[in-house]
Amino acid sequence: ADNAGQVPAPVEIWIHGAGEKPGLSNLTTGAQLRLTAPLPTGSVLYLNTDPNQLTATITSAAGESSNAFGLVDVTYPLSQFVLRRGQNEIRYEPGGDSHQTVIEAKWYSLYEGV
């Protein structure tokens, strides 16, 4: 993941559940995201790591949304998972045997201003 900006960039993450307990590690910064329980099949977990918009929402297969901060392991603060300037090596850890979880991530390069 390449952050072409001048400052660290928060990340928006969508994790499409497949009954696993997936995790992400930014090997460049040491930051991690871990879940406390498996993500139900068909659900989507949305995470926003921007400290000003910190969000953890799960949407069930039936389309019902609810707060998901309880699914996020507090050992690894959500707001710490950012991309530093330049290349960041991100590792997906499936947390199960099926390796069916799909993860999407989006970020915007940020620049200093006056």
Protein backbone atom coordinates (compact mmCIF):
# COMPACT_ATOMS: atom_id res chain seq x y z
CA ALA A 1 0.00 0.00 0.00
CA ASP A 2 1.51 3.30 -1.08
CA ASN A 3 0.69 6.51 0.78
CA ALA A 4 1.92 9.20 -1.62
CA GLY A 5 0.99 11.97 0.82
CA GLN A 6 3.14 13.93 3.25
CA VAL A 7 1.55 12.69 6.50
CA PRO A 8 0.14 9.38 7.81
CA ALA A 9 -3.17 8.42 6.22
CA PRO A 10 -6.09 6.74 8.02
CA VAL A 11 -7.68 3.75 6.31
CA GLU A 12 -11.25 2.67 5.57
CA ILE A 13 -11.59 -1.12 5.61
CA TRP A 14 -14.42 -3.46 4.60
CA ILE A 15 -14.13 -7.07 5.74
CA HIS A 16 -16.61 -9.46 4.11
CA GLY A 17 -17.25 -12.23 6.64
CA ALA A 18 -16.74 -15.91 5.94
CA GLY A 19 -16.92 -17.30 9.47
CA GLU A 20 -13.27 -16.50 10.16
CA LYS A 21 -11.50 -14.20 12.62
CA PRO A 22 -9.24 -12.25 10.21
CA GLY A 23 -6.53 -9.81 11.15
CA LEU A 24 -4.41 -7.22 9.41
CA SER A 25 -0.87 -6.16 10.22
CA ASN A 26 0.99 -3.16 8.90
CA LEU A 27 4.50 -4.60 8.93
CA THR A 28 5.91 -1.14 8.22
CA THR A 29 4.47 0.53 11.34
CA GLY A 30 3.83 -2.48 13.58
CA ALA A 31 0.12 -1.58 13.87
CA GLN A 32 -2.41 -4.40 13.92
CA LEU A 33 -6.15 -4.95 13.65
CA ARG A 34 -7.60 -8.01 15.34
CA LEU A 35 -11.14 -9.22 15.95
CA THR A 36 -12.39 -10.76 19.19
CA ALA A 37 -14.77 -13.20 17.44
CA PRO A 38 -15.28 -14.75 14.01
CA LEU A 39 -17.09 -12.57 11.49
CA PRO A 40 -20.39 -14.25 10.51
CA THR A 41 -20.64 -15.47 6.94
CA GLY A 42 -22.36 -12.90 4.72
CA SER A 43 -21.75 -9.98 7.07
CA VAL A 44 -19.62 -6.92 6.32
CA LEU A 45 -17.51 -5.17 8.92
CA TYR A 46 -16.68 -1.53 8.13
CA LEU A 47 -13.79 0.14 9.97
CA ASN A 48 -12.60 3.74 9.66
CA THR A 49 -9.31 4.42 11.46
CA ASP A 50 -9.49 8.22 11.21
CA PRO A 51 -9.44 9.49 14.83
CA ASN A 52 -11.99 12.18 13.87
CA GLN A 53 -14.36 9.62 12.32
CA LEU A 54 -13.53 6.41 14.19
CA THR A 55 -16.11 3.84 13.13
CA ALA A 56 -16.76 0.11 13.55
CA THR A 57 -20.06 -1.07 12.05
CA ILE A 58 -21.22 -4.54 11.13
CA THR A 59 -23.95 -5.16 8.57
CA SER A 60 -25.56 -8.59 8.72
CA ALA A 61 -26.43 -10.69 5.68
CA ALA A 62 -30.02 -9.46 6.22
CA GLY A 63 -28.88 -5.83 5.88
CA GLU A 64 -29.17 -4.80 9.54
CA SER A 65 -26.36 -2.54 10.79
CA SER A 66 -25.07 -2.26 14.34
CA ASN A 67 -22.14 -1.00 16.36
CA ALA A 68 -19.15 -3.36 16.08
CA PHE A 69 -16.58 -1.82 18.42
CA GLY A 70 -17.03 -4.93 20.59
CA LEU A 71 -15.63 -7.06 17.75
CA VAL A 72 -12.40 -5.04 17.56
CA ASP A 73 -9.62 -6.18 19.91
CA VAL A 74 -8.86 -3.15 22.11
CA THR A 75 -5.27 -4.36 22.56
CA TYR A 76 -4.65 -2.78 19.15
CA PRO A 77 -6.23 0.72 18.99
CA LEU A 78 -8.18 1.24 15.78
CA SER A 79 -6.86 4.80 15.43
CA GLN A 80 -3.26 3.50 15.32
CA PHE A 81 -3.82 1.61 12.05
CA VAL A 82 -2.64 4.21 9.54
CA LEU A 83 -0.37 4.19 6.51
CA ARG A 84 2.86 6.06 7.01
CA ARG A 85 4.32 8.08 4.17
CA GLY A 86 5.59 5.89 1.32
CA GLN A 87 5.27 2.13 0.94
CA ASN A 88 3.53 0.13 3.67
CA GLU A 89 3.58 -3.66 3.74
CA ILE A 90 0.19 -5.00 4.85
CA ARG A 91 -0.30 -8.65 5.77
CA TYR A 92 -3.65 -10.42 5.89
CA GLU A 93 -4.00 -13.20 8.46
CA PRO A 94 -7.08 -15.36 7.82
CA GLY A 95 -7.77 -16.55 11.37
CA GLY A 96 -9.38 -19.71 10.03
CA ASP A 97 -8.95 -22.54 7.58
CA SER A 98 -11.18 -21.48 4.70
CA HIS A 99 -9.28 -18.33 3.58
CA GLN A 100 -12.57 -17.04 2.12
CA THR A 101 -12.65 -13.62 3.79
CA VAL A 102 -12.45 -10.68 1.39
CA ILE A 103 -10.88 -7.43 2.60
CA GLU A 104 -11.07 -4.09 0.80
CA ALA A 105 -9.13 -1.01 1.89
CA LYS A 106 -9.22 2.62 0.78
CA TRP A 107 -7.18 5.62 1.84
CA TYR A 108 -6.48 9.13 0.67
CA SER A 109 -3.04 10.65 0.52
CA LEU A 110 -2.94 13.66 2.83
CA TYR A 111 -0.79 16.75 2.44
CA GLU A 112 0.31 19.47 4.83
CA GLY A 113 -1.19 22.87 4.26
CA VAL A 114 -0.70 26.38 5.46
